[in-house]
Amino acid sequence: MPIMIARLLRVSPPMTYEAQGSWSPDRNRVSNGQRAMRFSTRIDTDIPAPDLFDILSDFSRSERALGARGVTVRRIDPAQEPGSSLGWTIDFDWRGQRRTLRLDVTRFDRPSHVTMGGHSDQFDLSVNISVVALSRIRSRLLFETEIRPRTLRARLLIQTARFGKAQLDRQYARRIADFVAHLRAT
């Protein structure tokens, strides 16, 4: 009835709370307008593409490499968690607090591509790893990470981090290159 009167008087009807806000009923979760932060790097190597992919997809080697850096990695057993694929629960210290990340392999294409998706309390994470053959003995690694906030606090953290994006990109590229070099050496 109030809408009909508003139309007769040619006045816009009052907006409801759902139309005004972009918040979900859970006030701590960000619903609309999530802004992801993306990092990507490419590394050219003197390793043939199949060999590089085998190094990167040797997950037990990656688990050991992360363990050497102080990260606790527990593999998720698909037999004990029905409906889950290969995945890990990863615990690490960041900014003085212990963080937990659940990471699952969502796509595995043997010759060239691995996609992993993960989530923590604050963020959703997507990791794409692609290997491209440049020649018989050279290959290129494309490593992309996308971080999406799950809470307002995480969104503010990402917005603040955008000010130093160039430095974060350089640091990301350096750490991925170091990680790949460590995997090659072991």
C-alpha atoms as a PDB file:
ATOM      1  CA  MET A   1       0.000   0.000   0.000  1.00  0.00           C
ATOM      2  CA  PRO A   2       2.743   2.573   0.791  1.00  0.00           C
ATOM      3  CA  ILE A   3       4.336   1.854  -2.610  1.00  0.00           C
ATOM      4  CA  MET A   4       1.065   2.605  -4.418  1.00  0.00           C
ATOM      5  CA  ILE A   5       0.704   5.908  -2.566  1.00  0.00           C
ATOM      6  CA  ALA A   6       4.324   6.752  -3.364  1.00  0.00           C
ATOM      7  CA  ARG A   7       3.649   6.093  -7.057  1.00  0.00           C
ATOM      8  CA  LEU A   8       0.575   8.314  -7.019  1.00  0.00           C
ATOM      9  CA  LEU A   9       2.564  11.105  -5.402  1.00  0.00           C
ATOM     10  CA  ARG A  10       5.532  10.385  -7.744  1.00  0.00           C
ATOM     11  CA  VAL A  11       7.880   9.945  -4.837  1.00  0.00           C
ATOM     12  CA  SER A  12      10.354   7.123  -4.620  1.00  0.00           C
ATOM     13  CA  PRO A  13       9.360   4.501  -2.053  1.00  0.00           C
ATOM     14  CA  PRO A  14      11.494   4.143   1.049  1.00  0.00           C
ATOM     15  CA  MET A  15      14.366   1.736   0.607  1.00  0.00           C
ATOM     16  CA  THR A  16      14.450  -1.389   2.676  1.00  0.00           C
ATOM     17  CA  TYR A  17      17.510  -2.522   4.582  1.00  0.00           C
ATOM     18  CA  GLU A  18      18.223  -5.297   2.046  1.00  0.00           C
ATOM     19  CA  ALA A  19      18.229  -2.816  -0.836  1.00  0.00           C
ATOM     20  CA  GLN A  20      20.530  -0.370   0.957  1.00  0.00           C
ATOM     21  CA  GLY A  21      23.216  -2.578   2.392  1.00  0.00           C
ATOM     22  CA  SER A  22      25.678  -4.885   0.753  1.00  0.00           C
ATOM     23  CA  TRP A  23      26.145  -6.933   3.899  1.00  0.00           C
ATOM     24  CA  SER A  24      24.998 -10.460   4.468  1.00  0.00           C
ATOM     25  CA  PRO A  25      23.051 -11.310   7.623  1.00  0.00           C
ATOM     26  CA  ASP A  26      26.349 -12.475   9.100  1.00  0.00           C
ATOM     27  CA  ARG A  27      27.779  -8.989   9.641  1.00  0.00           C
ATOM     28  CA  ASN A  28      31.390 -10.172   9.634  1.00  0.00           C
ATOM     29  CA  ARG A  29      31.244 -11.624   6.137  1.00  0.00           C
ATOM     30  CA  VAL A  30      31.672  -9.462   3.064  1.00  0.00           C
ATOM     31  CA  SER A  31      29.122 -10.421   0.414  1.00  0.00           C
ATOM     32  CA  ASN A  32      29.181  -8.082  -2.580  1.00  0.00           C
ATOM     33  CA  GLY A  33      32.097  -6.285  -4.123  1.00  0.00           C
ATOM     34  CA  GLN A  34      34.826  -8.641  -2.970  1.00  0.00           C
ATOM     35  CA  ARG A  35      38.078  -7.368  -4.356  1.00  0.00           C
ATOM     36  CA  ALA A  36      40.689  -9.977  -4.955  1.00  0.00           C
ATOM     37  CA  MET A  37      44.398  -9.376  -4.930  1.00  0.00           C
ATOM     38  CA  ARG A  38      46.293 -11.228  -7.631  1.00  0.00           C
ATOM     39  CA  PHE A  39      49.951 -12.121  -7.817  1.00  0.00           C
ATOM     40  CA  SER A  40      51.619 -13.784 -10.766  1.00  0.00           C
ATOM     41  CA  THR A  41      55.107 -14.592 -11.884  1.00  0.00           C
ATOM     42  CA  ARG A  42      56.727 -16.509 -14.677  1.00  0.00           C
ATOM     43  CA  ILE A  43      60.019 -18.304 -14.454  1.00  0.00           C
ATOM     44  CA  ASP A  44      61.971 -19.552 -17.467  1.00  0.00           C
ATOM     45  CA  THR A  45      64.011 -22.680 -16.731  1.00  0.00           C
ATOM     46  CA  ASP A  46      66.478 -24.956 -18.501  1.00  0.00           C
ATOM     47  CA  ILE A  47      64.411 -27.995 -17.547  1.00  0.00           C
ATOM     48  CA  PRO A  48      62.147 -29.804 -20.035  1.00  0.00           C
ATOM     49  CA  ALA A  49      58.450 -29.173 -19.367  1.00  0.00           C
ATOM     50  CA  PRO A  50      57.560 -32.766 -18.322  1.00  0.00           C
ATOM     51  CA  ASP A  51      60.449 -32.848 -15.845  1.00  0.00           C
ATOM     52  CA  LEU A  52      59.513 -29.464 -14.366  1.00  0.00           C
ATOM     53  CA  PHE A  53      55.894 -30.568 -14.006  1.00  0.00           C
ATOM     54  CA  ASP A  54      57.018 -33.774 -12.269  1.00  0.00           C
ATOM     55  CA  ILE A  55      59.085 -31.722  -9.817  1.00  0.00           C
ATOM     56  CA  LEU A  56      56.164 -29.388  -9.063  1.00  0.00           C
ATOM     57  CA  SER A  57      53.574 -32.155  -8.792  1.00  0.00           C
ATOM     58  CA  ASP A  58      55.674 -34.226  -6.382  1.00  0.00           C
ATOM     59  CA  PHE A  59      53.595 -33.139  -3.413  1.00  0.00           C
ATOM     60  CA  SER A  60      55.610 -35.051  -0.821  1.00  0.00           C
ATOM     61  CA  ARG A  61      58.674 -33.063  -1.937  1.00  0.00           C
ATOM     62  CA  SER A  62      56.696 -29.824  -1.523  1.00  0.00           C
ATOM     63  CA  GLU A  63      55.553 -30.927   1.929  1.00  0.00           C
ATOM     64  CA  ARG A  64      59.168 -31.493   2.990  1.00  0.00           C
ATOM     65  CA  ALA A  65      60.238 -28.129   1.536  1.00  0.00           C
ATOM     66  CA  LEU A  66      57.484 -26.319   3.455  1.00  0.00           C
ATOM     67  CA  GLY A  67      58.373 -28.240   6.617  1.00  0.00           C
ATOM     68  CA  ALA A  68      61.967 -27.048   6.292  1.00  0.00           C
ATOM     69  CA  ARG A  69      60.656 -23.469   6.340  1.00  0.00           C
ATOM     70  CA  GLY A  70      58.805 -23.942   9.636  1.00  0.00           C
ATOM     71  CA  VAL A  71      55.355 -24.727   8.230  1.00  0.00           C
ATOM     72  CA  THR A  72      53.323 -27.638   9.612  1.00  0.00           C
ATOM     73  CA  VAL A  73      51.721 -29.602   6.767  1.00  0.00           C
ATOM     74  CA  ARG A  74      49.197 -32.417   7.304  1.00  0.00           C
ATOM     75  CA  ARG A  75      47.913 -34.307   4.284  1.00  0.00           C
ATOM     76  CA  ILE A  76      44.148 -34.865   4.227  1.00  0.00           C
ATOM     77  CA  ASP A  77      43.248 -38.493   3.679  1.00  0.00           C
ATOM     78  CA  PRO A  78      40.345 -38.774   1.188  1.00  0.00           C
ATOM     79  CA  ALA A  79      39.422 -42.131   2.760  1.00  0.00           C
ATOM     80  CA  GLN A  80      38.725 -40.447   6.094  1.00  0.00           C
ATOM     81  CA  GLU A  81      36.985 -37.388   4.618  1.00  0.00           C
ATOM     82  CA  PRO A  82      34.533 -38.642   1.994  1.00  0.00           C
ATOM     83  CA  GLY A  83      34.055 -36.277  -0.921  1.00  0.00           C
ATOM     84  CA  SER A  84      37.430 -34.609  -0.551  1.00  0.00           C
ATOM     85  CA  SER A  85      40.275 -34.777  -3.016  1.00  0.00           C
ATOM     86  CA  LEU A  86      43.977 -34.534  -2.355  1.00  0.00           C
ATOM     87  CA  GLY A  87      44.515 -31.715   0.104  1.00  0.00           C
ATOM     88  CA  TRP A  88      46.366 -30.387   3.101  1.00  0.00           C
ATOM     89  CA  THR A  89      45.860 -28.527   6.325  1.00  0.00           C
ATOM     90  CA  ILE A  90      48.692 -26.037   6.619  1.00  0.00           C
ATOM     91  CA  ASP A  91      49.620 -24.251   9.866  1.00  0.00           C
ATOM     92  CA  PHE A  92      52.068 -21.344   9.819  1.00  0.00           C
ATOM     93  CA  ASP A  93      52.997 -18.205  11.753  1.00  0.00           C
ATOM     94  CA  TRP A  94      52.231 -14.891  10.087  1.00  0.00           C
ATOM     95  CA  ARG A  95      52.469 -11.514  11.789  1.00  0.00           C
ATOM     96  CA  GLY A  96      52.847 -13.080  15.203  1.00  0.00           C
ATOM     97  CA  GLN A  97      49.769 -15.308  15.020  1.00  0.00           C
ATOM     98  CA  ARG A  98      49.273 -18.956  14.161  1.00  0.00           C
ATOM     99  CA  ARG A  99      47.230 -19.314  10.949  1.00  0.00           C
ATOM    100  CA  THR A 100      45.529 -22.366   9.476  1.00  0.00           C
ATOM    101  CA  LEU A 101      44.879 -22.875   5.775  1.00  0.00           C
ATOM    102  CA  ARG A 102      42.945 -25.691   4.110  1.00  0.00           C
ATOM    103  CA  LEU A 103      44.241 -26.309   0.572  1.00  0.00           C
ATOM    104  CA  ASP A 104      42.734 -28.779  -1.936  1.00  0.00           C
ATOM    105  CA  VAL A 105      43.755 -29.785  -5.453  1.00  0.00           C
ATOM    106  CA  THR A 106      40.799 -28.844  -7.653  1.00  0.00           C
ATOM    107  CA  ARG A 107      42.291 -29.556 -11.087  1.00  0.00           C
ATOM    108  CA  PHE A 108      45.216 -31.734 -12.115  1.00  0.00           C
ATOM    109  CA  ASP A 109      46.068 -32.005 -15.808  1.00  0.00           C
ATOM    110  CA  ARG A 110      49.184 -34.157 -16.003  1.00  0.00           C
ATOM    111  CA  PRO A 111      51.220 -32.479 -18.702  1.00  0.00           C
ATOM    112  CA  SER A 112      50.828 -28.858 -17.765  1.00  0.00           C
ATOM    113  CA  HIS A 113      48.374 -27.599 -15.151  1.00  0.00           C
ATOM    114  CA  VAL A 114      47.552 -27.797 -11.426  1.00  0.00           C
ATOM    115  CA  THR A 115      44.898 -25.686  -9.704  1.00  0.00           C
ATOM    116  CA  MET A 116      44.472 -25.541  -5.938  1.00  0.00           C
ATOM    117  CA  GLY A 117      41.813 -23.814  -3.906  1.00  0.00           C
ATOM    118  CA  GLY A 118      41.949 -23.024  -0.242  1.00  0.00           C
ATOM    119  CA  HIS A 119      40.397 -21.090   2.579  1.00  0.00           C
ATOM    120  CA  SER A 120      41.277 -19.793   6.003  1.00  0.00           C
ATOM    121  CA  ASP A 121      39.354 -17.764   8.554  1.00  0.00           C
ATOM    122  CA  GLN A 122      40.075 -14.501   6.750  1.00  0.00           C
ATOM    123  CA  PHE A 123      40.745 -15.373   3.102  1.00  0.00           C
ATOM    124  CA  ASP A 124      39.858 -17.600   0.167  1.00  0.00           C
ATOM    125  CA  LEU A 125      42.823 -18.584  -1.953  1.00  0.00           C
ATOM    126  CA  SER A 126      43.276 -19.850  -5.494  1.00  0.00           C
ATOM    127  CA  VAL A 127      46.616 -21.064  -6.892  1.00  0.00           C
ATOM    128  CA  ASN A 128      47.187 -21.856 -10.587  1.00  0.00           C
ATOM    129  CA  ILE A 129      50.404 -23.511 -11.692  1.00  0.00           C
ATOM    130  CA  SER A 130      51.038 -23.944 -15.417  1.00  0.00           C
ATOM    131  CA  VAL A 131      54.056 -25.309 -17.239  1.00  0.00           C
ATOM    132  CA  VAL A 132      54.591 -24.307 -20.874  1.00  0.00           C
ATOM    133  CA  ALA A 133      57.219 -25.911 -23.114  1.00  0.00           C
ATOM    134  CA  LEU A 134      59.366 -23.281 -24.830  1.00  0.00           C
ATOM    135  CA  SER A 135      61.550 -25.883 -26.567  1.00  0.00           C
ATOM    136  CA  ARG A 136      62.607 -29.472 -25.952  1.00  0.00           C
ATOM    137  CA  ILE A 137      64.949 -28.422 -23.156  1.00  0.00           C
ATOM    138  CA  ARG A 138      63.419 -25.143 -21.930  1.00  0.00           C
ATOM    139  CA  SER A 139      60.139 -24.449 -20.187  1.00  0.00           C
ATOM    140  CA  ARG A 140      58.259 -21.635 -18.508  1.00  0.00           C
ATOM    141  CA  LEU A 141      56.489 -21.829 -15.166  1.00  0.00           C
ATOM    142  CA  LEU A 142      53.439 -19.593 -14.713  1.00  0.00           C
ATOM    143  CA  PHE A 143      52.515 -19.298 -11.049  1.00  0.00           C
ATOM    144  CA  GLU A 144      49.395 -17.290 -10.155  1.00  0.00           C
ATOM    145  CA  THR A 145      47.781 -16.693  -6.782  1.00  0.00           C
ATOM    146  CA  GLU A 146      44.506 -14.918  -6.102  1.00  0.00           C
ATOM    147  CA  ILE A 147      43.487 -13.914  -2.583  1.00  0.00           C
ATOM    148  CA  ARG A 148      39.885 -12.952  -1.816  1.00  0.00           C
ATOM    149  CA  PRO A 149      38.786 -11.511   1.542  1.00  0.00           C
ATOM    150  CA  ARG A 150      36.097 -13.286   3.548  1.00  0.00           C
ATOM    151  CA  THR A 151      35.652 -10.651   6.256  1.00  0.00           C
ATOM    152  CA  LEU A 152      35.636  -6.895   6.479  1.00  0.00           C
ATOM    153  CA  ARG A 153      38.909  -6.960   8.393  1.00  0.00           C
ATOM    154  CA  ALA A 154      40.534  -8.996   5.606  1.00  0.00           C
ATOM    155  CA  ARG A 155      39.172  -6.629   2.998  1.00  0.00           C
ATOM    156  CA  LEU A 156      40.764  -3.689   4.799  1.00  0.00           C
ATOM    157  CA  LEU A 157      44.040  -5.602   5.013  1.00  0.00           C
ATOM    158  CA  ILE A 158      44.008  -6.203   1.252  1.00  0.00           C
ATOM    159  CA  GLN A 159      43.119  -2.585   0.526  1.00  0.00           C
ATOM    160  CA  THR A 160      46.050  -1.460   2.668  1.00  0.00           C
ATOM    161  CA  ALA A 161      48.383  -3.954   0.983  1.00  0.00           C
ATOM    162  CA  ARG A 162      47.523  -2.481  -2.423  1.00  0.00           C
ATOM    163  CA  PHE A 163      49.614   0.577  -1.549  1.00  0.00           C
ATOM    164  CA  GLY A 164      52.729  -1.607  -1.559  1.00  0.00           C
ATOM    165  CA  LYS A 165      51.669  -3.873  -4.442  1.00  0.00           C
ATOM    166  CA  ALA A 166      54.849  -3.357  -6.487  1.00  0.00           C
ATOM    167  CA  GLN A 167      57.041  -4.420  -3.581  1.00  0.00           C
ATOM    168  CA  LEU A 168      54.749  -7.383  -2.836  1.00  0.00           C
ATOM    169  CA  ASP A 169      54.965  -8.468  -6.500  1.00  0.00           C
ATOM    170  CA  ARG A 170      58.771  -8.460  -6.377  1.00  0.00           C
ATOM    171  CA  GLN A 171      58.792 -10.348  -3.086  1.00  0.00           C
ATOM    172  CA  TYR A 172      56.283 -12.900  -4.450  1.00  0.00           C
ATOM    173  CA  ALA A 173      58.380 -13.508  -7.588  1.00  0.00           C
ATOM    174  CA  ARG A 174      61.555 -13.915  -5.524  1.00  0.00           C
ATOM    175  CA  ARG A 175      59.975 -16.372  -3.079  1.00  0.00           C
ATOM    176  CA  ILE A 176      58.421 -18.495  -5.819  1.00  0.00           C
ATOM    177  CA  ALA A 177      61.787 -18.613  -7.632  1.00  0.00           C
ATOM    178  CA  ASP A 178      63.528 -19.622  -4.374  1.00  0.00           C
ATOM    179  CA  PHE A 179      60.896 -22.297  -3.704  1.00  0.00           C
ATOM    180  CA  VAL A 180      61.274 -23.783  -7.205  1.00  0.00           C
ATOM    181  CA  ALA A 181      65.078 -23.723  -6.865  1.00  0.00           C
ATOM    182  CA  HIS A 182      64.761 -25.509  -3.514  1.00  0.00           C
ATOM    183  CA  LEU A 183      62.479 -28.144  -5.076  1.00  0.00           C
ATOM    184  CA  ARG A 184      64.963 -28.686  -7.925  1.00  0.00           C
ATOM    185  CA  ALA A 185      67.850 -29.129  -5.489  1.00  0.00           C
ATOM    186  CA  THR A 186      66.117 -31.798  -3.384  1.00  0.00           C
END
